Amino acid sequence: MSTTGAPDPSRRNDATRRAILSAAIDQVGEVGYAKLTIERIAKSAGVGKQTIYRWWPSKGAVFFDAFLDLAGDGEAAALPDTGDLAADLKLVLVATVDELNDPRFDRAMRALHTEIVLDPVLAADYAARLDNPMREIKKARLRAAQEVGQLADEVDLEVAVDLIWGPVLNRWLHRTAPLTSEYAEQVVDTALAGLTPRKS
C-alpha cells in the first residue's frame, strides 16, 4: 500500500505563487514594467491568467508582492545593535548598497519607484506595507542610541532617518556617481558628526 498520500494543495499553491512572483521580476528585467502584462507573467510562470487573477487584482499588485518577496519582506525585525552605532549603521548601509547594485533588484526597484509615482493606490500600499514599517525599524535603532547618549536628545528621528538613508537612495536613483560601500560609510560618518551631542 502506498504511504505517500495525496499531494498537499497548500504546498502546490505556494510553489505556484513563488513561480508567479519570480516570473514577474524576470519579465520586468526583460521587457520593463511598461510592457509587463498578466499574460507575460502567466506564460513565464507556466500558469493560466485566471490563476493570477485569483490572487491579485492587477499587474501592479503582483509586481509589488514580487518585489516584497525579492526584498525579503518581514525578515528584518530590527537593525543590529552591538552598542556601536556607527558600525551598525555602516553594516546596514553597505548591505543596502550591495542590494541596490544587484542588477535584478535594481531593475525591480526602479520599476517600483516609477509605478509609485504614477499610481496613488500602489504608493499607499508601498507606504503601509514597506516604507513605514522600515522607517519604524530604523527609528527604533536610533532611539536606542539616543537613550544611551549616542545621539542628542533633541534630534528628530524622522529627519535623522532621511539624513542617513536618503543620500544613498538619491545617488542610486539619479545615478549621479558610483554607489559604493565607501560612500555609504562616509554618509554615516558625516551624518553622525552632525547628530552627536555637543560637548560643553
N, C-alpha and C. Protein backbone atom coordinates (compact mmCIF):
# COMPACT_ATOMS: atom_id res chain seq x y z
N MET A 1 0.85 -1.19 0.00
CA MET A 1 0.00 0.00 0.00
C MET A 1 0.89 1.24 0.00
N SER A 2 0.53 2.22 -0.82
CA SER A 2 1.33 3.43 -0.90
C SER A 2 1.18 4.24 0.37
N THR A 3 2.28 4.84 0.82
CA THR A 3 2.23 5.69 2.02
C THR A 3 2.53 7.15 1.69
N THR A 4 2.57 7.46 0.38
CA THR A 4 2.92 8.83 0.00
C THR A 4 1.76 9.79 0.26
N GLY A 5 0.52 9.34 0.19
CA GLY A 5 -0.62 10.21 0.43
C GLY A 5 -0.91 11.13 -0.73
N ALA A 6 -1.96 11.91 -0.59
CA ALA A 6 -2.37 12.84 -1.64
C ALA A 6 -1.45 14.06 -1.64
N PRO A 7 -1.31 14.72 -2.80
CA PRO A 7 -0.49 15.94 -2.84
C PRO A 7 -1.05 16.99 -1.89
N ASP A 8 -0.15 17.76 -1.30
CA ASP A 8 -0.55 18.83 -0.39
C ASP A 8 -0.91 20.07 -1.21
N PRO A 9 -2.21 20.48 -1.23
CA PRO A 9 -2.62 21.64 -2.04
C PRO A 9 -1.90 22.92 -1.64
N SER A 10 -1.67 23.10 -0.34
CA SER A 10 -1.02 24.33 0.11
C SER A 10 0.41 24.41 -0.40
N ARG A 11 1.10 23.24 -0.45
CA ARG A 11 2.47 23.23 -0.96
C ARG A 11 2.47 23.55 -2.45
N ARG A 12 1.52 22.97 -3.18
CA ARG A 12 1.43 23.22 -4.61
C ARG A 12 1.13 24.70 -4.86
N ASN A 13 0.20 25.27 -4.09
CA ASN A 13 -0.16 26.66 -4.28
C ASN A 13 1.00 27.59 -3.96
N ASP A 14 1.78 27.25 -2.93
CA ASP A 14 2.92 28.08 -2.58
C ASP A 14 3.97 28.04 -3.69
N ALA A 15 4.18 26.87 -4.28
CA ALA A 15 5.14 26.74 -5.38
C ALA A 15 4.66 27.55 -6.59
N THR A 16 3.35 27.50 -6.84
CA THR A 16 2.79 28.26 -7.96
C THR A 16 2.93 29.76 -7.71
N ARG A 17 2.62 30.17 -6.48
CA ARG A 17 2.71 31.59 -6.14
C ARG A 17 4.14 32.08 -6.32
N ARG A 18 5.11 31.31 -5.86
CA ARG A 18 6.50 31.74 -5.98
C ARG A 18 6.95 31.77 -7.45
N ALA A 19 6.44 30.85 -8.25
CA ALA A 19 6.77 30.85 -9.68
C ALA A 19 6.23 32.12 -10.34
N ILE A 20 5.04 32.54 -9.93
CA ILE A 20 4.43 33.76 -10.48
C ILE A 20 5.24 34.99 -10.06
N LEU A 21 5.61 35.06 -8.80
CA LEU A 21 6.37 36.22 -8.31
C LEU A 21 7.74 36.29 -8.98
N SER A 22 8.38 35.16 -9.13
CA SER A 22 9.68 35.13 -9.80
C SER A 22 9.55 35.54 -11.25
N ALA A 23 8.49 35.08 -11.90
CA ALA A 23 8.26 35.43 -13.30
C ALA A 23 8.03 36.93 -13.47
N ALA A 24 7.32 37.54 -12.51
CA ALA A 24 7.07 38.98 -12.59
C ALA A 24 8.38 39.76 -12.56
N ILE A 25 9.28 39.37 -11.66
CA ILE A 25 10.58 40.04 -11.58
C ILE A 25 11.39 39.80 -12.85
N ASP A 26 11.40 38.57 -13.32
CA ASP A 26 12.16 38.24 -14.52
C ASP A 26 11.66 39.02 -15.74
N GLN A 27 10.34 39.12 -15.86
CA GLN A 27 9.77 39.82 -17.02
C GLN A 27 10.04 41.31 -16.97
N VAL A 28 10.04 41.90 -15.79
CA VAL A 28 10.40 43.31 -15.68
C VAL A 28 11.83 43.52 -16.15
N GLY A 29 12.71 42.59 -15.80
CA GLY A 29 14.09 42.68 -16.25
C GLY A 29 14.23 42.55 -17.75
N GLU A 30 13.36 41.76 -18.38
CA GLU A 30 13.44 41.52 -19.82
C GLU A 30 12.78 42.61 -20.65
N VAL A 31 11.57 43.03 -20.25
CA VAL A 31 10.80 43.95 -21.11
C VAL A 31 10.49 45.29 -20.45
N GLY A 32 10.80 45.44 -19.15
CA GLY A 32 10.47 46.68 -18.45
C GLY A 32 9.05 46.65 -17.91
N TYR A 33 8.78 47.52 -16.96
CA TYR A 33 7.47 47.48 -16.31
C TYR A 33 6.35 47.89 -17.26
N ALA A 34 6.61 48.86 -18.14
CA ALA A 34 5.56 49.36 -19.04
C ALA A 34 4.99 48.24 -19.92
N LYS A 35 5.84 47.29 -20.33
CA LYS A 35 5.39 46.20 -21.20
C LYS A 35 5.02 44.94 -20.42
N LEU A 36 5.14 45.01 -19.12
CA LEU A 36 4.76 43.86 -18.29
C LEU A 36 3.24 43.67 -18.34
N THR A 37 2.80 42.46 -18.57
CA THR A 37 1.37 42.15 -18.58
C THR A 37 1.12 40.88 -17.79
N ILE A 38 -0.13 40.70 -17.40
CA ILE A 38 -0.52 39.46 -16.72
C ILE A 38 -0.26 38.27 -17.65
N GLU A 39 -0.51 38.47 -18.93
CA GLU A 39 -0.28 37.39 -19.90
C GLU A 39 1.18 36.97 -19.92
N ARG A 40 2.09 37.95 -19.93
CA ARG A 40 3.52 37.63 -19.93
C ARG A 40 3.92 36.88 -18.66
N ILE A 41 3.41 37.36 -17.53
CA ILE A 41 3.75 36.71 -16.26
C ILE A 41 3.24 35.28 -16.26
N ALA A 42 1.99 35.11 -16.70
CA ALA A 42 1.38 33.77 -16.70
C ALA A 42 2.16 32.81 -17.60
N LYS A 43 2.52 33.27 -18.78
CA LYS A 43 3.25 32.42 -19.71
C LYS A 43 4.62 32.04 -19.14
N SER A 44 5.31 33.02 -18.55
CA SER A 44 6.63 32.76 -17.99
C SER A 44 6.56 31.80 -16.80
N ALA A 45 5.49 31.93 -16.01
CA ALA A 45 5.34 31.08 -14.83
C ALA A 45 4.74 29.72 -15.15
N GLY A 46 4.19 29.58 -16.36
CA GLY A 46 3.57 28.32 -16.74
C GLY A 46 2.23 28.09 -16.08
N VAL A 47 1.47 29.19 -15.91
CA VAL A 47 0.14 29.08 -15.30
C VAL A 47 -0.87 29.82 -16.18
N GLY A 48 -2.14 29.66 -15.88
CA GLY A 48 -3.17 30.39 -16.59
C GLY A 48 -3.39 31.76 -15.98
N LYS A 49 -3.90 32.69 -16.78
CA LYS A 49 -4.14 34.04 -16.28
C LYS A 49 -5.09 34.04 -15.09
N GLN A 50 -6.09 33.16 -15.12
CA GLN A 50 -7.07 33.14 -14.05
C GLN A 50 -6.44 32.77 -12.71
N THR A 51 -5.37 31.99 -12.75
CA THR A 51 -4.66 31.66 -11.51
C THR A 51 -4.10 32.92 -10.87
N ILE A 52 -3.55 33.80 -11.71
CA ILE A 52 -3.00 35.06 -11.20
C ILE A 52 -4.12 35.96 -10.69
N TYR A 53 -5.20 36.08 -11.49
CA TYR A 53 -6.29 36.96 -11.08
C TYR A 53 -7.02 36.45 -9.84
N ARG A 54 -6.87 35.19 -9.53
CA ARG A 54 -7.49 34.65 -8.33
C ARG A 54 -6.82 35.23 -7.08
N TRP A 55 -5.51 35.58 -7.20
CA TRP A 55 -4.76 36.06 -6.05
C TRP A 55 -4.44 37.55 -6.09
N TRP A 56 -4.40 38.14 -7.28
CA TRP A 56 -4.05 39.55 -7.39
C TRP A 56 -5.00 40.26 -8.36
N PRO A 57 -5.37 41.50 -8.06
CA PRO A 57 -6.31 42.22 -8.92
C PRO A 57 -5.67 42.90 -10.13
N SER A 58 -4.36 43.06 -10.13
CA SER A 58 -3.70 43.81 -11.21
C SER A 58 -2.24 43.43 -11.29
N LYS A 59 -1.59 43.86 -12.38
CA LYS A 59 -0.16 43.58 -12.52
C LYS A 59 0.64 44.34 -11.47
N GLY A 60 0.15 45.54 -11.09
CA GLY A 60 0.84 46.30 -10.05
C GLY A 60 0.86 45.56 -8.73
N ALA A 61 -0.25 44.94 -8.39
CA ALA A 61 -0.34 44.18 -7.14
C ALA A 61 0.58 42.96 -7.18
N VAL A 62 0.61 42.27 -8.33
CA VAL A 62 1.52 41.13 -8.48
C VAL A 62 2.96 41.58 -8.32
N PHE A 63 3.30 42.65 -9.01
CA PHE A 63 4.69 43.09 -9.01
C PHE A 63 5.13 43.55 -7.63
N PHE A 64 4.24 44.23 -6.91
CA PHE A 64 4.63 44.69 -5.58
C PHE A 64 4.88 43.51 -4.65
N ASP A 65 4.03 42.49 -4.71
CA ASP A 65 4.27 41.29 -3.91
C ASP A 65 5.56 40.60 -4.34
N ALA A 66 5.84 40.63 -5.64
CA ALA A 66 7.07 40.04 -6.14
C ALA A 66 8.28 40.79 -5.61
N PHE A 67 8.16 42.10 -5.57
CA PHE A 67 9.26 42.92 -5.04
C PHE A 67 9.47 42.65 -3.56
N LEU A 68 8.39 42.57 -2.79
CA LEU A 68 8.50 42.28 -1.36
C LEU A 68 9.16 40.92 -1.14
N ASP A 69 8.79 39.96 -1.97
CA ASP A 69 9.38 38.63 -1.87
C ASP A 69 10.88 38.68 -2.17
N LEU A 70 11.24 39.45 -3.20
CA LEU A 70 12.65 39.60 -3.58
C LEU A 70 13.43 40.30 -2.47
N ALA A 71 12.80 41.29 -1.84
CA ALA A 71 13.48 42.08 -0.82
C ALA A 71 13.49 41.40 0.54
N GLY A 72 12.81 40.27 0.65
CA GLY A 72 12.77 39.58 1.93
C GLY A 72 11.81 40.22 2.89
N ASP A 73 10.59 40.47 2.46
CA ASP A 73 9.57 41.13 3.27
C ASP A 73 9.41 40.43 4.61
N GLY A 74 9.49 41.22 5.68
CA GLY A 74 9.23 40.70 7.01
C GLY A 74 10.41 40.02 7.69
N GLU A 75 11.55 39.94 6.99
CA GLU A 75 12.67 39.22 7.58
C GLU A 75 13.42 40.06 8.62
N ALA A 76 13.44 41.38 8.42
CA ALA A 76 14.20 42.23 9.33
C ALA A 76 13.28 42.78 10.42
N ALA A 77 13.38 42.24 11.62
CA ALA A 77 12.57 42.73 12.73
C ALA A 77 13.24 43.89 13.44
N ALA A 78 14.56 44.00 13.30
CA ALA A 78 15.31 45.08 13.95
C ALA A 78 16.66 45.22 13.28
N LEU A 79 17.23 46.41 13.39
CA LEU A 79 18.59 46.62 12.91
C LEU A 79 19.57 46.12 13.97
N PRO A 80 20.79 45.77 13.57
CA PRO A 80 21.77 45.29 14.55
C PRO A 80 22.04 46.34 15.62
N ASP A 81 22.24 45.89 16.85
CA ASP A 81 22.55 46.79 17.95
C ASP A 81 23.67 46.18 18.78
N THR A 82 24.91 46.48 18.39
CA THR A 82 26.09 45.98 19.10
C THR A 82 26.57 46.96 20.15
N GLY A 83 25.92 48.14 20.20
CA GLY A 83 26.40 49.19 21.07
C GLY A 83 27.25 50.20 20.33
N ASP A 84 27.69 49.86 19.13
CA ASP A 84 28.50 50.75 18.30
C ASP A 84 27.60 51.24 17.16
N LEU A 85 27.00 52.41 17.33
CA LEU A 85 26.02 52.91 16.37
C LEU A 85 26.61 53.07 14.98
N ALA A 86 27.79 53.66 14.88
CA ALA A 86 28.41 53.89 13.57
C ALA A 86 28.64 52.58 12.84
N ALA A 87 29.19 51.61 13.55
CA ALA A 87 29.47 50.31 12.92
C ALA A 87 28.18 49.63 12.47
N ASP A 88 27.15 49.72 13.31
CA ASP A 88 25.88 49.09 12.96
C ASP A 88 25.26 49.74 11.72
N LEU A 89 25.27 51.06 11.67
CA LEU A 89 24.69 51.76 10.53
C LEU A 89 25.50 51.51 9.25
N LYS A 90 26.80 51.46 9.38
CA LYS A 90 27.64 51.16 8.21
C LYS A 90 27.35 49.76 7.67
N LEU A 91 27.17 48.81 8.57
CA LEU A 91 26.85 47.45 8.15
C LEU A 91 25.55 47.42 7.36
N VAL A 92 24.54 48.14 7.85
CA VAL A 92 23.24 48.16 7.19
C VAL A 92 23.31 48.90 5.85
N LEU A 93 23.98 50.04 5.83
CA LEU A 93 24.05 50.82 4.59
C LEU A 93 24.88 50.13 3.52
N VAL A 94 25.95 49.48 3.91
CA VAL A 94 26.76 48.75 2.93
C VAL A 94 25.94 47.60 2.34
N ALA A 95 25.16 46.93 3.18
CA ALA A 95 24.27 45.87 2.68
C ALA A 95 23.23 46.44 1.72
N THR A 96 22.75 47.64 2.02
CA THR A 96 21.79 48.31 1.14
C THR A 96 22.43 48.63 -0.21
N VAL A 97 23.67 49.11 -0.18
CA VAL A 97 24.40 49.39 -1.42
C VAL A 97 24.56 48.13 -2.25
N ASP A 98 24.93 47.03 -1.61
CA ASP A 98 25.10 45.76 -2.32
C ASP A 98 23.79 45.34 -2.98
N GLU A 99 22.70 45.53 -2.27
CA GLU A 99 21.38 45.16 -2.79
C GLU A 99 21.02 46.02 -3.99
N LEU A 100 21.21 47.33 -3.86
CA LEU A 100 20.87 48.24 -4.95
C LEU A 100 21.75 48.04 -6.18
N ASN A 101 22.96 47.53 -5.97
CA ASN A 101 23.86 47.27 -7.10
C ASN A 101 23.62 45.92 -7.75
N ASP A 102 22.76 45.11 -7.15
CA ASP A 102 22.40 43.83 -7.76
C ASP A 102 21.46 44.10 -8.93
N PRO A 103 21.82 43.71 -10.15
CA PRO A 103 21.02 44.06 -11.33
C PRO A 103 19.54 43.66 -11.22
N ARG A 104 19.27 42.49 -10.67
CA ARG A 104 17.88 42.03 -10.58
C ARG A 104 17.08 42.92 -9.63
N PHE A 105 17.67 43.26 -8.48
CA PHE A 105 17.00 44.12 -7.52
C PHE A 105 16.90 45.54 -8.06
N ASP A 106 17.95 46.01 -8.70
CA ASP A 106 17.98 47.37 -9.25
C ASP A 106 16.84 47.58 -10.24
N ARG A 107 16.66 46.65 -11.16
CA ARG A 107 15.59 46.79 -12.16
C ARG A 107 14.22 46.78 -11.49
N ALA A 108 14.05 45.89 -10.54
CA ALA A 108 12.75 45.79 -9.86
C ALA A 108 12.47 47.05 -9.06
N MET A 109 13.47 47.55 -8.35
CA MET A 109 13.29 48.73 -7.51
C MET A 109 12.98 49.96 -8.36
N ARG A 110 13.66 50.10 -9.50
CA ARG A 110 13.39 51.25 -10.36
C ARG A 110 11.99 51.17 -10.96
N ALA A 111 11.57 49.97 -11.34
CA ALA A 111 10.22 49.81 -11.86
C ALA A 111 9.19 50.16 -10.80
N LEU A 112 9.43 49.73 -9.58
CA LEU A 112 8.50 50.01 -8.50
C LEU A 112 8.42 51.51 -8.23
N HIS A 113 9.56 52.19 -8.19
CA HIS A 113 9.57 53.62 -7.94
C HIS A 113 8.82 54.38 -9.04
N THR A 114 9.00 53.96 -10.28
CA THR A 114 8.29 54.60 -11.38
C THR A 114 6.79 54.44 -11.22
N GLU A 115 6.36 53.25 -10.89
CA GLU A 115 4.93 52.98 -10.77
C GLU A 115 4.32 53.69 -9.57
N ILE A 116 5.07 53.83 -8.50
CA ILE A 116 4.58 54.54 -7.32
C ILE A 116 4.25 55.99 -7.65
N VAL A 117 5.08 56.60 -8.48
CA VAL A 117 4.84 57.98 -8.89
C VAL A 117 3.52 58.10 -9.66
N LEU A 118 3.19 57.07 -10.43
CA LEU A 118 2.03 57.12 -11.30
C LEU A 118 0.75 56.55 -10.68
N ASP A 119 0.90 55.74 -9.64
CA ASP A 119 -0.25 55.01 -9.10
C ASP A 119 -0.41 55.31 -7.60
N PRO A 120 -1.35 56.19 -7.23
CA PRO A 120 -1.53 56.55 -5.81
C PRO A 120 -1.91 55.36 -4.93
N VAL A 121 -2.65 54.41 -5.49
CA VAL A 121 -3.05 53.24 -4.71
C VAL A 121 -1.83 52.40 -4.36
N LEU A 122 -0.99 52.18 -5.36
CA LEU A 122 0.24 51.43 -5.11
C LEU A 122 1.16 52.19 -4.17
N ALA A 123 1.20 53.51 -4.30
CA ALA A 123 2.03 54.33 -3.41
C ALA A 123 1.58 54.17 -1.96
N ALA A 124 0.28 54.15 -1.74
CA ALA A 124 -0.24 53.99 -0.39
C ALA A 124 0.07 52.59 0.15
N ASP A 125 -0.03 51.59 -0.72
CA ASP A 125 0.27 50.22 -0.33
C ASP A 125 1.75 50.09 0.02
N TYR A 126 2.61 50.72 -0.78
CA TYR A 126 4.05 50.71 -0.54
C TYR A 126 4.37 51.35 0.81
N ALA A 127 3.72 52.48 1.09
CA ALA A 127 3.96 53.16 2.36
C ALA A 127 3.53 52.30 3.54
N ALA A 128 2.35 51.69 3.42
CA ALA A 128 1.79 50.92 4.53
C ALA A 128 2.53 49.61 4.78
N ARG A 129 2.94 48.95 3.71
CA ARG A 129 3.49 47.60 3.85
C ARG A 129 5.01 47.54 3.89
N LEU A 130 5.68 48.58 3.40
CA LEU A 130 7.14 48.52 3.34
C LEU A 130 7.82 49.74 3.92
N ASP A 131 7.53 50.92 3.38
CA ASP A 131 8.29 52.10 3.77
C ASP A 131 8.07 52.47 5.24
N ASN A 132 6.82 52.58 5.67
CA ASN A 132 6.56 52.96 7.05
C ASN A 132 7.10 51.95 8.06
N PRO A 133 6.85 50.64 7.86
CA PRO A 133 7.43 49.67 8.80
C PRO A 133 8.96 49.73 8.86
N MET A 134 9.61 49.92 7.71
CA MET A 134 11.07 50.01 7.71
C MET A 134 11.55 51.28 8.41
N ARG A 135 10.82 52.38 8.24
CA ARG A 135 11.19 53.61 8.95
C ARG A 135 11.10 53.42 10.46
N GLU A 136 10.09 52.70 10.90
CA GLU A 136 9.94 52.46 12.33
C GLU A 136 11.10 51.62 12.87
N ILE A 137 11.55 50.65 12.08
CA ILE A 137 12.68 49.83 12.48
C ILE A 137 13.96 50.68 12.57
N LYS A 138 14.14 51.56 11.61
CA LYS A 138 15.31 52.44 11.63
C LYS A 138 15.25 53.41 12.81
N LYS A 139 14.08 53.98 13.04
CA LYS A 139 13.92 54.91 14.15
C LYS A 139 14.14 54.21 15.49
N ALA A 140 13.73 52.96 15.60
CA ALA A 140 13.91 52.23 16.86
C ALA A 140 15.39 52.09 17.19
N ARG A 141 16.22 51.83 16.16
CA ARG A 141 17.67 51.71 16.41
C ARG A 141 18.25 53.05 16.81
N LEU A 142 17.81 54.12 16.16
CA LEU A 142 18.31 55.45 16.51
C LEU A 142 17.81 55.87 17.89
N ARG A 143 16.60 55.50 18.23
CA ARG A 143 16.05 55.83 19.55
C ARG A 143 16.85 55.14 20.65
N ALA A 144 17.25 53.89 20.39
CA ALA A 144 18.07 53.17 21.36
C ALA A 144 19.41 53.89 21.56
N ALA A 145 19.97 54.41 20.47
CA ALA A 145 21.22 55.17 20.57
C ALA A 145 21.01 56.47 21.33
N GLN A 146 19.86 57.08 21.10
CA GLN A 146 19.52 58.33 21.80
C GLN A 146 19.42 58.09 23.31
N GLU A 147 18.86 56.95 23.69
CA GLU A 147 18.64 56.65 25.11
C GLU A 147 19.95 56.43 25.87
N VAL A 148 21.01 56.06 25.15
CA VAL A 148 22.30 55.86 25.84
C VAL A 148 23.27 57.01 25.56
N GLY A 149 22.74 58.11 25.01
CA GLY A 149 23.56 59.30 24.83
C GLY A 149 24.42 59.34 23.59
N GLN A 150 24.18 58.44 22.64
CA GLN A 150 24.97 58.44 21.40
C GLN A 150 24.40 59.40 20.36
N LEU A 151 23.16 59.80 20.53
CA LEU A 151 22.54 60.85 19.72
C LEU A 151 21.95 61.89 20.65
N ALA A 152 21.96 63.13 20.23
CA ALA A 152 21.41 64.20 21.05
C ALA A 152 19.92 64.01 21.27
N ASP A 153 19.44 64.38 22.45
CA ASP A 153 18.03 64.20 22.79
C ASP A 153 17.10 64.95 21.85
N GLU A 154 17.56 66.10 21.37
CA GLU A 154 16.69 66.94 20.54
C GLU A 154 16.64 66.52 19.07
N VAL A 155 17.40 65.52 18.69
CA VAL A 155 17.41 65.08 17.29
C VAL A 155 16.05 64.52 16.90
N ASP A 156 15.50 65.00 15.80
CA ASP A 156 14.25 64.49 15.24
C ASP A 156 14.59 63.19 14.49
N LEU A 157 14.05 62.08 14.95
CA LEU A 157 14.43 60.79 14.38
C LEU A 157 13.93 60.61 12.95
N GLU A 158 12.81 61.24 12.60
CA GLU A 158 12.34 61.18 11.21
C GLU A 158 13.36 61.82 10.28
N VAL A 159 13.85 62.98 10.69
CA VAL A 159 14.86 63.68 9.89
C VAL A 159 16.16 62.90 9.88
N ALA A 160 16.52 62.30 11.01
CA ALA A 160 17.76 61.53 11.09
C ALA A 160 17.74 60.36 10.12
N VAL A 161 16.60 59.68 10.01
CA VAL A 161 16.49 58.57 9.04
C VAL A 161 16.75 59.08 7.63
N ASP A 162 16.17 60.24 7.29
CA ASP A 162 16.38 60.80 5.95
C ASP A 162 17.85 61.17 5.73
N LEU A 163 18.49 61.71 6.76
CA LEU A 163 19.89 62.12 6.63
C LEU A 163 20.81 60.92 6.40
N ILE A 164 20.48 59.80 7.00
CA ILE A 164 21.37 58.63 6.91
C ILE A 164 21.10 57.80 5.67
N TRP A 165 19.82 57.51 5.38
CA TRP A 165 19.49 56.64 4.25
C TRP A 165 19.24 57.42 2.96
N GLY A 166 18.84 58.67 3.07
CA GLY A 166 18.47 59.45 1.89
C GLY A 166 19.57 59.62 0.86
N PRO A 167 20.79 59.97 1.27
CA PRO A 167 21.86 60.17 0.27
C PRO A 167 22.15 58.94 -0.57
N VAL A 168 22.12 57.76 0.06
CA VAL A 168 22.40 56.53 -0.68
C VAL A 168 21.31 56.28 -1.72
N LEU A 169 20.06 56.42 -1.31
CA LEU A 169 18.95 56.21 -2.25
C LEU A 169 18.95 57.26 -3.35
N ASN A 170 19.30 58.50 -3.01
CA ASN A 170 19.34 59.57 -4.01
C ASN A 170 20.43 59.32 -5.05
N ARG A 171 21.61 58.91 -4.60
CA ARG A 171 22.69 58.63 -5.54
C ARG A 171 22.34 57.45 -6.44
N TRP A 172 21.69 56.44 -5.85
CA TRP A 172 21.27 55.28 -6.66
C TRP A 172 20.21 55.69 -7.67
N LEU A 173 19.21 56.45 -7.22
CA LEU A 173 18.10 56.80 -8.09
C LEU A 173 18.53 57.65 -9.27
N HIS A 174 19.38 58.64 -9.01
CA HIS A 174 19.77 59.59 -10.06
C HIS A 174 21.06 59.22 -10.77
N ARG A 175 21.75 58.21 -10.28
CA ARG A 175 22.99 57.75 -10.91
C ARG A 175 23.99 58.89 -11.08
N THR A 176 24.07 59.75 -10.09
CA THR A 176 24.95 60.92 -10.18
C THR A 176 26.42 60.55 -10.00
N ALA A 177 26.68 59.41 -9.36
CA ALA A 177 28.04 58.95 -9.12
C ALA A 177 27.98 57.48 -8.74
N PRO A 178 29.09 56.77 -8.80
CA PRO A 178 29.07 55.36 -8.42
C PRO A 178 28.59 55.18 -6.98
N LEU A 179 27.79 54.16 -6.77
CA LEU A 179 27.29 53.85 -5.43
C LEU A 179 28.19 52.77 -4.84
N THR A 180 28.99 53.15 -3.86
CA THR A 180 29.98 52.24 -3.30
C THR A 180 29.82 52.10 -1.79
N SER A 181 30.44 51.07 -1.25
CA SER A 181 30.42 50.87 0.19
C SER A 181 31.18 52.00 0.89
N GLU A 182 32.23 52.50 0.24
CA GLU A 182 32.99 53.61 0.83
C GLU A 182 32.10 54.84 0.99
N TYR A 183 31.28 55.10 -0.02
CA TYR A 183 30.37 56.23 0.07
C TYR A 183 29.38 56.04 1.21
N ALA A 184 28.85 54.84 1.35
CA ALA A 184 27.89 54.56 2.43
C ALA A 184 28.52 54.83 3.79
N GLU A 185 29.76 54.43 3.96
CA GLU A 185 30.44 54.65 5.23
C GLU A 185 30.69 56.14 5.47
N GLN A 186 30.99 56.88 4.40
CA GLN A 186 31.18 58.32 4.53
C GLN A 186 29.88 59.01 4.93
N VAL A 187 28.77 58.54 4.40
CA VAL A 187 27.47 59.09 4.75
C VAL A 187 27.22 58.94 6.24
N VAL A 188 27.49 57.76 6.77
CA VAL A 188 27.29 57.51 8.20
C VAL A 188 28.17 58.44 9.03
N ASP A 189 29.44 58.53 8.68
CA ASP A 189 30.36 59.38 9.45
C ASP A 189 29.91 60.84 9.42
N THR A 190 29.50 61.30 8.24
CA THR A 190 29.09 62.70 8.10
C THR A 190 27.81 62.98 8.85
N ALA A 191 26.84 62.09 8.74
CA ALA A 191 25.57 62.27 9.42
C ALA A 191 25.75 62.26 10.93
N LEU A 192 26.50 61.31 11.44
CA LEU A 192 26.68 61.21 12.88
C LEU A 192 27.49 62.38 13.44
N ALA A 193 28.37 62.93 12.65
CA ALA A 193 29.14 64.09 13.11
C ALA A 193 28.21 65.27 13.41
N GLY A 194 27.10 65.33 12.68
CA GLY A 194 26.14 66.41 12.91
C GLY A 194 25.05 66.07 13.90
N LEU A 195 24.94 64.79 14.27
CA LEU A 195 23.85 64.36 15.14
C LEU A 195 24.29 64.07 16.57
N THR A 196 25.58 63.89 16.78
CA THR A 196 26.04 63.55 18.13
C THR A 196 25.92 64.74 19.08
N PRO A 197 25.78 64.49 20.37
CA PRO A 197 25.61 65.58 21.34
C PRO A 197 26.81 66.53 21.33
N ARG A 198 26.53 67.80 21.49
CA ARG A 198 27.59 68.81 21.57
C ARG A 198 28.24 68.78 22.95
N LYS A 199 29.56 68.76 22.97
CA LYS A 199 30.26 68.77 24.25
C LYS A 199 30.33 70.19 24.78
N SER A 200 30.00 70.33 26.05
CA SER A 200 30.02 71.67 26.66
C SER A 200 31.42 72.06 27.11
